[in-house]
Amino acid sequence: MITTPQIETVPIALSAEGVIRVGGTRVTLDTIVHAFNRGMSAEEIVIAYPAVSLADVYDVIAYYLRHQDEVAAYIREREKRAETVRRAVEARHPEMAGIRARLLARREAQQRKSE
């Protein structure tokens, strides 16, 4: 008897807030894509984000590779929204701008050390 393989869908879902999440977790599509584009393997991504399964990470990477333009547009839109929110918060709390600058400088220094 020949059995038919089960057809599976990509393990991503759009939340009520308009954020695409992976495998029923809070890990976002853009998190996986950014990690992959930084050179992380699927296994390394799972180590960094243990809430997602290895199979889901492979599925999401494959989806991204098949739909790079659409995913890039989605990520650009998310980054624009994040920038708008950041500016609104800084306008309400100007003291936060100094904290953000110090944290970014610290992160850059740590990245230089690890290279």
PDB file of N, CA and C in Angstrom:
ATOM      1  N   MET A   1       0.838  -1.174   0.000  1.00  0.00           N
ATOM      2  CA  MET A   1       0.000   0.000   0.000  1.00  0.00           C
ATOM      3  C   MET A   1       0.886   1.241   0.000  1.00  0.00           C
ATOM      4  N   ILE A   2       0.590   2.171  -0.862  1.00  0.00           N
ATOM      5  CA  ILE A   2       1.343   3.422  -0.952  1.00  0.00           C
ATOM      6  C   ILE A   2       0.633   4.465  -0.098  1.00  0.00           C
ATOM      7  N   THR A   3       1.423   5.104   0.750  1.00  0.00           N
ATOM      8  CA  THR A   3       0.847   6.172   1.569  1.00  0.00           C
ATOM      9  C   THR A   3       1.276   7.524   1.012  1.00  0.00           C
ATOM     10  N   THR A   4       0.428   8.491   1.190  1.00  0.00           N
ATOM     11  CA  THR A   4       0.711   9.836   0.723  1.00  0.00           C
ATOM     12  C   THR A   4       1.345  10.632   1.855  1.00  0.00           C
ATOM     13  N   PRO A   5       2.451  11.318   1.572  1.00  0.00           N
ATOM     14  CA  PRO A   5       3.067  12.127   2.625  1.00  0.00           C
ATOM     15  C   PRO A   5       2.122  13.250   3.070  1.00  0.00           C
ATOM     16  N   GLN A   6       2.229  13.597   4.324  1.00  0.00           N
ATOM     17  CA  GLN A   6       1.406  14.681   4.863  1.00  0.00           C
ATOM     18  C   GLN A   6       1.948  16.017   4.377  1.00  0.00           C
ATOM     19  N   ILE A   7       1.062  16.873   3.934  1.00  0.00           N
ATOM     20  CA  ILE A   7       1.441  18.214   3.516  1.00  0.00           C
ATOM     21  C   ILE A   7       1.462  19.102   4.759  1.00  0.00           C
ATOM     22  N   GLU A   8       2.585  19.775   4.987  1.00  0.00           N
ATOM     23  CA  GLU A   8       2.712  20.632   6.152  1.00  0.00           C
ATOM     24  C   GLU A   8       2.822  22.087   5.722  1.00  0.00           C
ATOM     25  N   THR A   9       2.413  22.961   6.594  1.00  0.00           N
ATOM     26  CA  THR A   9       2.519  24.384   6.326  1.00  0.00           C
ATOM     27  C   THR A   9       3.729  24.954   7.060  1.00  0.00           C
ATOM     28  N   VAL A  10       4.137  26.139   6.656  1.00  0.00           N
ATOM     29  CA  VAL A  10       5.254  26.811   7.313  1.00  0.00           C
ATOM     30  C   VAL A  10       4.789  27.216   8.714  1.00  0.00           C
ATOM     31  N   PRO A  11       5.589  26.963   9.738  1.00  0.00           N
ATOM     32  CA  PRO A  11       5.177  27.223  11.116  1.00  0.00           C
ATOM     33  C   PRO A  11       5.296  28.694  11.519  1.00  0.00           C
ATOM     34  N   ILE A  12       4.593  29.560  10.792  1.00  0.00           N
ATOM     35  CA  ILE A  12       4.574  30.976  11.149  1.00  0.00           C
ATOM     36  C   ILE A  12       3.125  31.422  11.264  1.00  0.00           C
ATOM     37  N   ALA A  13       2.903  32.413  12.102  1.00  0.00           N
ATOM     38  CA  ALA A  13       1.552  32.944  12.279  1.00  0.00           C
ATOM     39  C   ALA A  13       1.635  34.440  12.538  1.00  0.00           C
ATOM     40  N   LEU A  14       0.659  35.157  12.008  1.00  0.00           N
ATOM     41  CA  LEU A  14       0.565  36.599  12.196  1.00  0.00           C
ATOM     42  C   LEU A  14      -0.215  36.871  13.476  1.00  0.00           C
ATOM     43  N   SER A  15       0.389  37.598  14.399  1.00  0.00           N
ATOM     44  CA  SER A  15      -0.276  37.916  15.670  1.00  0.00           C
ATOM     45  C   SER A  15      -1.255  39.068  15.463  1.00  0.00           C
ATOM     46  N   ALA A  16      -2.063  39.331  16.462  1.00  0.00           N
ATOM     47  CA  ALA A  16      -3.034  40.424  16.408  1.00  0.00           C
ATOM     48  C   ALA A  16      -2.334  41.777  16.240  1.00  0.00           C
ATOM     49  N   GLU A  17      -1.081  41.863  16.695  1.00  0.00           N
ATOM     50  CA  GLU A  17      -0.312  43.104  16.590  1.00  0.00           C
ATOM     51  C   GLU A  17       0.374  43.253  15.235  1.00  0.00           C
ATOM     52  N   GLY A  18       0.213  42.256  14.358  1.00  0.00           N
ATOM     53  CA  GLY A  18       0.842  42.317  13.043  1.00  0.00           C
ATOM     54  C   GLY A  18       2.260  41.806  13.009  1.00  0.00           C
ATOM     55  N   VAL A  19       2.647  41.015  14.005  1.00  0.00           N
ATOM     56  CA  VAL A  19       3.997  40.464  14.094  1.00  0.00           C
ATOM     57  C   VAL A  19       3.953  38.990  13.697  1.00  0.00           C
ATOM     58  N   ILE A  20       4.864  38.588  12.831  1.00  0.00           N
ATOM     59  CA  ILE A  20       4.935  37.177  12.432  1.00  0.00           C
ATOM     60  C   ILE A  20       5.816  36.441  13.427  1.00  0.00           C
ATOM     61  N   ARG A  21       5.233  35.431  14.066  1.00  0.00           N
ATOM     62  CA  ARG A  21       5.941  34.631  15.068  1.00  0.00           C
ATOM     63  C   ARG A  21       6.137  33.211  14.542  1.00  0.00           C
ATOM     64  N   VAL A  22       7.112  32.516  15.123  1.00  0.00           N
ATOM     65  CA  VAL A  22       7.528  31.201  14.647  1.00  0.00           C
ATOM     66  C   VAL A  22       7.060  30.103  15.594  1.00  0.00           C
ATOM     67  N   GLY A  23       6.417  29.087  15.037  1.00  0.00           N
ATOM     68  CA  GLY A  23       6.112  27.853  15.756  1.00  0.00           C
ATOM     69  C   GLY A  23       5.343  28.006  17.050  1.00  0.00           C
ATOM     70  N   GLY A  24       4.439  28.961  17.126  1.00  0.00           N
ATOM     71  CA  GLY A  24       3.664  29.138  18.339  1.00  0.00           C
ATOM     72  C   GLY A  24       4.458  29.738  19.490  1.00  0.00           C
ATOM     73  N   THR A  25       5.623  30.308  19.202  1.00  0.00           N
ATOM     74  CA  THR A  25       6.466  30.919  20.237  1.00  0.00           C
ATOM     75  C   THR A  25       6.374  32.437  20.124  1.00  0.00           C
ATOM     76  N   ARG A  26       7.113  33.128  20.956  1.00  0.00           N
ATOM     77  CA  ARG A  26       7.198  34.578  20.856  1.00  0.00           C
ATOM     78  C   ARG A  26       8.375  35.011  19.972  1.00  0.00           C
ATOM     79  N   VAL A  27       9.128  34.047  19.454  1.00  0.00           N
ATOM     80  CA  VAL A  27      10.262  34.345  18.568  1.00  0.00           C
ATOM     81  C   VAL A  27       9.697  34.815  17.225  1.00  0.00           C
ATOM     82  N   THR A  28      10.229  35.924  16.747  1.00  0.00           N
ATOM     83  CA  THR A  28       9.695  36.513  15.516  1.00  0.00           C
ATOM     84  C   THR A  28      10.439  36.020  14.268  1.00  0.00           C
ATOM     85  N   LEU A  29       9.751  36.156  13.149  1.00  0.00           N
ATOM     86  CA  LEU A  29      10.347  35.810  11.852  1.00  0.00           C
ATOM     87  C   LEU A  29      11.616  36.619  11.636  1.00  0.00           C
ATOM     88  N   ASP A  30      11.567  37.920  11.934  1.00  0.00           N
ATOM     89  CA  ASP A  30      12.745  38.741  11.697  1.00  0.00           C
ATOM     90  C   ASP A  30      13.922  38.344  12.579  1.00  0.00           C
ATOM     91  N   THR A  31      13.673  37.829  13.772  1.00  0.00           N
ATOM     92  CA  THR A  31      14.752  37.342  14.630  1.00  0.00           C
ATOM     93  C   THR A  31      15.489  36.191  13.961  1.00  0.00           C
ATOM     94  N   ILE A  32      14.725  35.230  13.421  1.00  0.00           N
ATOM     95  CA  ILE A  32      15.336  34.078  12.745  1.00  0.00           C
ATOM     96  C   ILE A  32      16.079  34.528  11.496  1.00  0.00           C
ATOM     97  N   VAL A  33      15.465  35.411  10.706  1.00  0.00           N
ATOM     98  CA  VAL A  33      16.088  35.880   9.464  1.00  0.00           C
ATOM     99  C   VAL A  33      17.372  36.650   9.759  1.00  0.00           C
ATOM    100  N   HIS A  34      17.345  37.537  10.742  1.00  0.00           N
ATOM    101  CA  HIS A  34      18.559  38.293  11.080  1.00  0.00           C
ATOM    102  C   HIS A  34      19.677  37.353  11.544  1.00  0.00           C
ATOM    103  N   ALA A  35      19.326  36.373  12.364  1.00  0.00           N
ATOM    104  CA  ALA A  35      20.339  35.416  12.833  1.00  0.00           C
ATOM    105  C   ALA A  35      20.931  34.648  11.650  1.00  0.00           C
ATOM    106  N   PHE A  36      20.079  34.183  10.756  1.00  0.00           N
ATOM    107  CA  PHE A  36      20.533  33.447   9.573  1.00  0.00           C
ATOM    108  C   PHE A  36      21.435  34.322   8.706  1.00  0.00           C
ATOM    109  N   ASN A  37      21.039  35.575   8.509  1.00  0.00           N
ATOM    110  CA  ASN A  37      21.832  36.485   7.673  1.00  0.00           C
ATOM    111  C   ASN A  37      23.148  36.896   8.323  1.00  0.00           C
ATOM    112  N   ARG A  38      23.255  36.745   9.651  1.00  0.00           N
ATOM    113  CA  ARG A  38      24.531  36.984  10.339  1.00  0.00           C
ATOM    114  C   ARG A  38      25.433  35.758  10.252  1.00  0.00           C
ATOM    115  N   GLY A  39      24.954  34.700   9.615  1.00  0.00           N
ATOM    116  CA  GLY A  39      25.785  33.523   9.428  1.00  0.00           C
ATOM    117  C   GLY A  39      25.535  32.392  10.394  1.00  0.00           C
ATOM    118  N   MET A  40      24.528  32.521  11.235  1.00  0.00           N
ATOM    119  CA  MET A  40      24.232  31.443  12.184  1.00  0.00           C
ATOM    120  C   MET A  40      23.579  30.269  11.456  1.00  0.00           C
ATOM    121  N   SER A  41      23.957  29.068  11.842  1.00  0.00           N
ATOM    122  CA  SER A  41      23.311  27.869  11.296  1.00  0.00           C
ATOM    123  C   SER A  41      21.984  27.666  12.012  1.00  0.00           C
ATOM    124  N   ALA A  42      21.158  26.793  11.471  1.00  0.00           N
ATOM    125  CA  ALA A  42      19.877  26.485  12.117  1.00  0.00           C
ATOM    126  C   ALA A  42      20.113  25.971  13.536  1.00  0.00           C
ATOM    127  N   GLU A  43      21.127  25.153  13.705  1.00  0.00           N
ATOM    128  CA  GLU A  43      21.442  24.608  15.034  1.00  0.00           C
ATOM    129  C   GLU A  43      21.844  25.720  16.005  1.00  0.00           C
ATOM    130  N   GLU A  44      22.638  26.667  15.544  1.00  0.00           N
ATOM    131  CA  GLU A  44      23.038  27.788  16.395  1.00  0.00           C
ATOM    132  C   GLU A  44      21.844  28.668  16.760  1.00  0.00           C
ATOM    133  N   ILE A  45      20.922  28.824  15.823  1.00  0.00           N
ATOM    134  CA  ILE A  45      19.726  29.615  16.091  1.00  0.00           C
ATOM    135  C   ILE A  45      18.896  28.952  17.189  1.00  0.00           C
ATOM    136  N   VAL A  46      18.765  27.634  17.133  1.00  0.00           N
ATOM    137  CA  VAL A  46      18.012  26.911  18.167  1.00  0.00           C
ATOM    138  C   VAL A  46      18.696  27.042  19.526  1.00  0.00           C
ATOM    139  N   ILE A  47      20.005  27.030  19.538  1.00  0.00           N
ATOM    140  CA  ILE A  47      20.728  27.215  20.802  1.00  0.00           C
ATOM    141  C   ILE A  47      20.454  28.621  21.350  1.00  0.00           C
ATOM    142  N   ALA A  48      20.459  29.614  20.473  1.00  0.00           N
ATOM    143  CA  ALA A  48      20.229  30.992  20.895  1.00  0.00           C
ATOM    144  C   ALA A  48      18.769  31.244  21.273  1.00  0.00           C
ATOM    145  N   TYR A  49      17.850  30.536  20.615  1.00  0.00           N
ATOM    146  CA  TYR A  49      16.409  30.716  20.842  1.00  0.00           C
ATOM    147  C   TYR A  49      15.777  29.337  21.060  1.00  0.00           C
ATOM    148  N   PRO A  50      15.960  28.758  22.232  1.00  0.00           N
ATOM    149  CA  PRO A  50      15.523  27.377  22.467  1.00  0.00           C
ATOM    150  C   PRO A  50      14.010  27.164  22.428  1.00  0.00           C
ATOM    151  N   ALA A  51      13.236  28.225  22.380  1.00  0.00           N
ATOM    152  CA  ALA A  51      11.775  28.061  22.293  1.00  0.00           C
ATOM    153  C   ALA A  51      11.355  27.500  20.937  1.00  0.00           C
ATOM    154  N   VAL A  52      12.192  27.696  19.904  1.00  0.00           N
ATOM    155  CA  VAL A  52      11.850  27.196  18.570  1.00  0.00           C
ATOM    156  C   VAL A  52      12.528  25.855  18.328  1.00  0.00           C
ATOM    157  N   SER A  53      11.854  25.004  17.576  1.00  0.00           N
ATOM    158  CA  SER A  53      12.431  23.696  17.271  1.00  0.00           C
ATOM    159  C   SER A  53      13.338  23.793  16.047  1.00  0.00           C
ATOM    160  N   LEU A  54      14.234  22.840  15.931  1.00  0.00           N
ATOM    161  CA  LEU A  54      15.141  22.810  14.783  1.00  0.00           C
ATOM    162  C   LEU A  54      14.361  22.683  13.481  1.00  0.00           C
ATOM    163  N   ALA A  55      13.347  21.841  13.466  1.00  0.00           N
ATOM    164  CA  ALA A  55      12.528  21.666  12.255  1.00  0.00           C
ATOM    165  C   ALA A  55      11.855  22.979  11.870  1.00  0.00           C
ATOM    166  N   ASP A  56      11.344  23.714  12.851  1.00  0.00           N
ATOM    167  CA  ASP A  56      10.690  24.993  12.553  1.00  0.00           C
ATOM    168  C   ASP A  56      11.687  26.005  12.005  1.00  0.00           C
ATOM    169  N   VAL A  57      12.893  26.019  12.550  1.00  0.00           N
ATOM    170  CA  VAL A  57      13.907  26.952  12.049  1.00  0.00           C
ATOM    171  C   VAL A  57      14.256  26.623  10.602  1.00  0.00           C
ATOM    172  N   TYR A  58      14.446  25.356  10.293  1.00  0.00           N
ATOM    173  CA  TYR A  58      14.715  24.981   8.896  1.00  0.00           C
ATOM    174  C   TYR A  58      13.558  25.379   7.985  1.00  0.00           C
ATOM    175  N   ASP A  59      12.325  25.165   8.442  1.00  0.00           N
ATOM    176  CA  ASP A  59      11.154  25.548   7.633  1.00  0.00           C
ATOM    177  C   ASP A  59      11.116  27.049   7.388  1.00  0.00           C
ATOM    178  N   VAL A  60      11.404  27.824   8.431  1.00  0.00           N
ATOM    179  CA  VAL A  60      11.369  29.281   8.312  1.00  0.00           C
ATOM    180  C   VAL A  60      12.486  29.771   7.396  1.00  0.00           C
ATOM    181  N   ILE A  61      13.673  29.199   7.512  1.00  0.00           N
ATOM    182  CA  ILE A  61      14.772  29.589   6.622  1.00  0.00           C
ATOM    183  C   ILE A  61      14.408  29.268   5.176  1.00  0.00           C
ATOM    184  N   ALA A  62      13.842  28.100   4.934  1.00  0.00           N
ATOM    185  CA  ALA A  62      13.425  27.735   3.571  1.00  0.00           C
ATOM    186  C   ALA A  62      12.369  28.705   3.055  1.00  0.00           C
ATOM    187  N   TYR A  63      11.408  29.051   3.904  1.00  0.00           N
ATOM    188  CA  TYR A  63      10.374  30.026   3.518  1.00  0.00           C
ATOM    189  C   TYR A  63      11.032  31.359   3.160  1.00  0.00           C
ATOM    190  N   TYR A  64      11.940  31.807   4.005  1.00  0.00           N
ATOM    191  CA  TYR A  64      12.640  33.066   3.751  1.00  0.00           C
ATOM    192  C   TYR A  64      13.385  33.024   2.413  1.00  0.00           C
ATOM    193  N   LEU A  65      14.081  31.938   2.150  1.00  0.00           N
ATOM    194  CA  LEU A  65      14.844  31.837   0.903  1.00  0.00           C
ATOM    195  C   LEU A  65      13.939  31.839  -0.329  1.00  0.00           C
ATOM    196  N   ARG A  66      12.721  31.318  -0.182  1.00  0.00           N
ATOM    197  CA  ARG A  66      11.772  31.323  -1.302  1.00  0.00           C
ATOM    198  C   ARG A  66      11.047  32.659  -1.459  1.00  0.00           C
ATOM    199  N   HIS A  67      11.010  33.461  -0.405  1.00  0.00           N
ATOM    200  CA  HIS A  67      10.230  34.706  -0.403  1.00  0.00           C
ATOM    201  C   HIS A  67      11.051  35.881   0.123  1.00  0.00           C
ATOM    202  N   GLN A  68      12.274  36.002  -0.337  1.00  0.00           N
ATOM    203  CA  GLN A  68      13.173  37.015   0.220  1.00  0.00           C
ATOM    204  C   GLN A  68      12.665  38.439   0.055  1.00  0.00           C
ATOM    205  N   ASP A  69      12.096  38.758  -1.095  1.00  0.00           N
ATOM    206  CA  ASP A  69      11.618  40.125  -1.317  1.00  0.00           C
ATOM    207  C   ASP A  69      10.482  40.475  -0.366  1.00  0.00           C
ATOM    208  N   GLU A  70       9.521  39.564  -0.228  1.00  0.00           N
ATOM    209  CA  GLU A  70       8.379  39.820   0.659  1.00  0.00           C
ATOM    210  C   GLU A  70       8.819  39.923   2.119  1.00  0.00           C
ATOM    211  N   VAL A  71       9.718  39.030   2.534  1.00  0.00           N
ATOM    212  CA  VAL A  71      10.202  39.054   3.920  1.00  0.00           C
ATOM    213  C   VAL A  71      11.009  40.326   4.161  1.00  0.00           C
ATOM    214  N   ALA A  72      11.819  40.725   3.200  1.00  0.00           N
ATOM    215  CA  ALA A  72      12.605  41.959   3.345  1.00  0.00           C
ATOM    216  C   ALA A  72      11.677  43.164   3.482  1.00  0.00           C
ATOM    217  N   ALA A  73      10.603  43.205   2.707  1.00  0.00           N
ATOM    218  CA  ALA A  73       9.639  44.309   2.807  1.00  0.00           C
ATOM    219  C   ALA A  73       8.967  44.314   4.175  1.00  0.00           C
ATOM    220  N   TYR A  74       8.603  43.142   4.665  1.00  0.00           N
ATOM    221  CA  TYR A  74       7.995  43.016   5.986  1.00  0.00           C
ATOM    222  C   TYR A  74       8.956  43.520   7.069  1.00  0.00           C
ATOM    223  N   ILE A  75      10.215  43.115   6.989  1.00  0.00           N
ATOM    224  CA  ILE A  75      11.208  43.527   7.982  1.00  0.00           C
ATOM    225  C   ILE A  75      11.438  45.033   7.917  1.00  0.00           C
ATOM    226  N   ARG A  76      11.506  45.595   6.724  1.00  0.00           N
ATOM    227  CA  ARG A  76      11.668  47.052   6.595  1.00  0.00           C
ATOM    228  C   ARG A  76      10.501  47.791   7.263  1.00  0.00           C
ATOM    229  N   GLU A  77       9.296  47.297   7.041  1.00  0.00           N
ATOM    230  CA  GLU A  77       8.116  47.917   7.652  1.00  0.00           C
ATOM    231  C   GLU A  77       8.179  47.826   9.173  1.00  0.00           C
ATOM    232  N   ARG A  78       8.594  46.666   9.693  1.00  0.00           N
ATOM    233  CA  ARG A  78       8.733  46.506  11.149  1.00  0.00           C
ATOM    234  C   ARG A  78       9.782  47.470  11.699  1.00  0.00           C
ATOM    235  N   GLU A  79      10.892  47.636  10.972  1.00  0.00           N
ATOM    236  CA  GLU A  79      11.940  48.546  11.424  1.00  0.00           C
ATOM    237  C   GLU A  79      11.457  49.994  11.423  1.00  0.00           C
ATOM    238  N   LYS A  80      10.654  50.372  10.418  1.00  0.00           N
ATOM    239  CA  LYS A  80      10.080  51.722  10.383  1.00  0.00           C
ATOM    240  C   LYS A  80       9.166  51.948  11.581  1.00  0.00           C
ATOM    241  N   ARG A  81       8.322  50.950  11.870  1.00  0.00           N
ATOM    242  CA  ARG A  81       7.418  51.075  13.022  1.00  0.00           C
ATOM    243  C   ARG A  81       8.215  51.174  14.324  1.00  0.00           C
ATOM    244  N   ALA A  82       9.261  50.372  14.446  1.00  0.00           N
ATOM    245  CA  ALA A  82      10.087  50.405  15.660  1.00  0.00           C
ATOM    246  C   ALA A  82      10.746  51.769  15.818  1.00  0.00           C
ATOM    247  N   GLU A  83      11.210  52.343  14.733  1.00  0.00           N
ATOM    248  CA  GLU A  83      11.824  53.677  14.777  1.00  0.00           C
ATOM    249  C   GLU A  83      10.801  54.719  15.199  1.00  0.00           C
ATOM    250  N   THR A  84       9.585  54.627  14.696  1.00  0.00           N
ATOM    251  CA  THR A  84       8.522  55.562  15.076  1.00  0.00           C
ATOM    252  C   THR A  84       8.231  55.465  16.571  1.00  0.00           C
ATOM    253  N   VAL A  85       8.144  54.248  17.082  1.00  0.00           N
ATOM    254  CA  VAL A  85       7.893  54.050  18.509  1.00  0.00           C
ATOM    255  C   VAL A  85       9.063  54.586  19.330  1.00  0.00           C
ATOM    256  N   ARG A  86      10.292  54.293  18.899  1.00  0.00           N
ATOM    257  CA  ARG A  86      11.474  54.769  19.621  1.00  0.00           C
ATOM    258  C   ARG A  86      11.477  56.288  19.703  1.00  0.00           C
ATOM    259  N   ARG A  87      11.180  56.955  18.600  1.00  0.00           N
ATOM    260  CA  ARG A  87      11.163  58.423  18.595  1.00  0.00           C
ATOM    261  C   ARG A  87      10.075  58.972  19.511  1.00  0.00           C
ATOM    262  N   ALA A  88       8.918  58.321  19.519  1.00  0.00           N
ATOM    263  CA  ALA A  88       7.827  58.764  20.392  1.00  0.00           C
ATOM    264  C   ALA A  88       8.218  58.618  21.859  1.00  0.00           C
ATOM    265  N   VAL A  89       8.858  57.521  22.202  1.00  0.00           N
ATOM    266  CA  VAL A  89       9.292  57.298  23.589  1.00  0.00           C
ATOM    267  C   VAL A  89      10.350  58.326  23.974  1.00  0.00           C
ATOM    268  N   GLU A  90      11.316  58.554  23.087  1.00  0.00           N
ATOM    269  CA  GLU A  90      12.360  59.527  23.387  1.00  0.00           C
ATOM    270  C   GLU A  90      11.802  60.942  23.504  1.00  0.00           C
ATOM    271  N   ALA A  91      10.759  61.259  22.724  1.00  0.00           N
ATOM    272  CA  ALA A  91      10.140  62.586  22.819  1.00  0.00           C
ATOM    273  C   ALA A  91       9.460  62.756  24.175  1.00  0.00           C
ATOM    274  N   ARG A  92       8.849  61.681  24.675  1.00  0.00           N
ATOM    275  CA  ARG A  92       8.197  61.738  25.980  1.00  0.00           C
ATOM    276  C   ARG A  92       9.195  61.652  27.125  1.00  0.00           C
ATOM    277  N   HIS A  93      10.332  60.996  26.878  1.00  0.00           N
ATOM    278  CA  HIS A  93      11.347  60.783  27.914  1.00  0.00           C
ATOM    279  C   HIS A  93      12.728  61.109  27.339  1.00  0.00           C
ATOM    280  N   PRO A  94      13.066  62.387  27.222  1.00  0.00           N
ATOM    281  CA  PRO A  94      14.343  62.765  26.597  1.00  0.00           C
ATOM    282  C   PRO A  94      15.567  62.167  27.281  1.00  0.00           C
ATOM    283  N   GLU A  95      15.450  61.853  28.555  1.00  0.00           N
ATOM    284  CA  GLU A  95      16.586  61.271  29.280  1.00  0.00           C
ATOM    285  C   GLU A  95      16.954  59.888  28.733  1.00  0.00           C
ATOM    286  N   MET A  96      16.036  59.241  28.029  1.00  0.00           N
ATOM    287  CA  MET A  96      16.289  57.913  27.472  1.00  0.00           C
ATOM    288  C   MET A  96      17.294  57.951  26.321  1.00  0.00           C
ATOM    289  N   ALA A  97      17.386  59.066  25.629  1.00  0.00           N
ATOM    290  CA  ALA A  97      18.309  59.164  24.496  1.00  0.00           C
ATOM    291  C   ALA A  97      19.747  58.931  24.939  1.00  0.00           C
ATOM    292  N   GLY A  98      20.135  59.473  26.080  1.00  0.00           N
ATOM    293  CA  GLY A  98      21.490  59.279  26.581  1.00  0.00           C
ATOM    294  C   GLY A  98      21.748  57.835  26.961  1.00  0.00           C
ATOM    295  N   ILE A  99      20.766  57.205  27.570  1.00  0.00           N
ATOM    296  CA  ILE A  99      20.903  55.797  27.948  1.00  0.00           C
ATOM    297  C   ILE A  99      21.066  54.940  26.698  1.00  0.00           C
ATOM    298  N   ARG A 100      20.253  55.205  25.689  1.00  0.00           N
ATOM    299  CA  ARG A 100      20.328  54.434  24.441  1.00  0.00           C
ATOM    300  C   ARG A 100      21.699  54.586  23.790  1.00  0.00           C
ATOM    301  N   ALA A 101      22.203  55.796  23.737  1.00  0.00           N
ATOM    302  CA  ALA A 101      23.524  56.039  23.131  1.00  0.00           C
ATOM    303  C   ALA A 101      24.615  55.278  23.874  1.00  0.00           C
ATOM    304  N   ARG A 102      24.565  55.268  25.212  1.00  0.00           N
ATOM    305  CA  ARG A 102      25.564  54.523  25.986  1.00  0.00           C
ATOM    306  C   ARG A 102      25.467  53.022  25.744  1.00  0.00           C
ATOM    307  N   LEU A 103      24.236  52.504  25.679  1.00  0.00           N
ATOM    308  CA  LEU A 103      24.072  51.068  25.427  1.00  0.00           C
ATOM    309  C   LEU A 103      24.564  50.683  24.036  1.00  0.00           C
ATOM    310  N   LEU A 104      24.269  51.507  23.037  1.00  0.00           N
ATOM    311  CA  LEU A 104      24.754  51.221  21.686  1.00  0.00           C
ATOM    312  C   LEU A 104      26.274  51.273  21.619  1.00  0.00           C
ATOM    313  N   ALA A 105      26.878  52.234  22.296  1.00  0.00           N
ATOM    314  CA  ALA A 105      28.343  52.327  22.321  1.00  0.00           C
ATOM    315  C   ALA A 105      28.945  51.105  22.997  1.00  0.00           C
ATOM    316  N   ARG A 106      28.324  50.647  24.084  1.00  0.00           N
ATOM    317  CA  ARG A 106      28.813  49.460  24.783  1.00  0.00           C
ATOM    318  C   ARG A 106      28.713  48.231  23.883  1.00  0.00           C
ATOM    319  N   ARG A 107      27.599  48.098  23.159  1.00  0.00           N
ATOM    320  CA  ARG A 107      27.435  46.948  22.272  1.00  0.00           C
ATOM    321  C   ARG A 107      28.486  46.974  21.159  1.00  0.00           C
ATOM    322  N   GLU A 108      28.735  48.149  20.589  1.00  0.00           N
ATOM    323  CA  GLU A 108      29.753  48.257  19.540  1.00  0.00           C
ATOM    324  C   GLU A 108      31.126  47.870  20.065  1.00  0.00           C
ATOM    325  N   ALA A 109      31.454  48.295  21.274  1.00  0.00           N
ATOM    326  CA  ALA A 109      32.755  47.964  21.865  1.00  0.00           C
ATOM    327  C   ALA A 109      32.873  46.450  22.084  1.00  0.00           C
ATOM    328  N   GLN A 110      31.805  45.818  22.536  1.00  0.00           N
ATOM    329  CA  GLN A 110      31.812  44.369  22.736  1.00  0.00           C
ATOM    330  C   GLN A 110      31.967  43.636  21.411  1.00  0.00           C
ATOM    331  N   GLN A 111      31.308  44.148  20.367  1.00  0.00           N
ATOM    332  CA  GLN A 111      31.431  43.507  19.053  1.00  0.00           C
ATOM    333  C   GLN A 111      32.856  43.623  18.514  1.00  0.00           C
ATOM    334  N   ARG A 112      33.490  44.762  18.736  1.00  0.00           N
ATOM    335  CA  ARG A 112      34.877  44.933  18.285  1.00  0.00           C
ATOM    336  C   ARG A 112      35.810  43.967  19.017  1.00  0.00           C
ATOM    337  N   LYS A 113      35.562  43.752  20.308  1.00  0.00           N
ATOM    338  CA  LYS A 113      36.386  42.833  21.084  1.00  0.00           C
ATOM    339  C   LYS A 113      36.249  41.401  20.589  1.00  0.00           C
ATOM    340  N   SER A 114      35.038  41.023  20.184  1.00  0.00           N
ATOM    341  CA  SER A 114      34.802  39.625  19.768  1.00  0.00           C
ATOM    342  C   SER A 114      35.293  39.359  18.349  1.00  0.00           C
ATOM    343  N   GLU A 115      35.646  40.385  17.604  1.00  0.00           N
ATOM    344  CA  GLU A 115      36.113  40.177  16.212  1.00  0.00           C
ATOM    345  C   GLU A 115      37.565  39.853  16.158  1.00  0.00           C
TER     346      GLU A 115
END
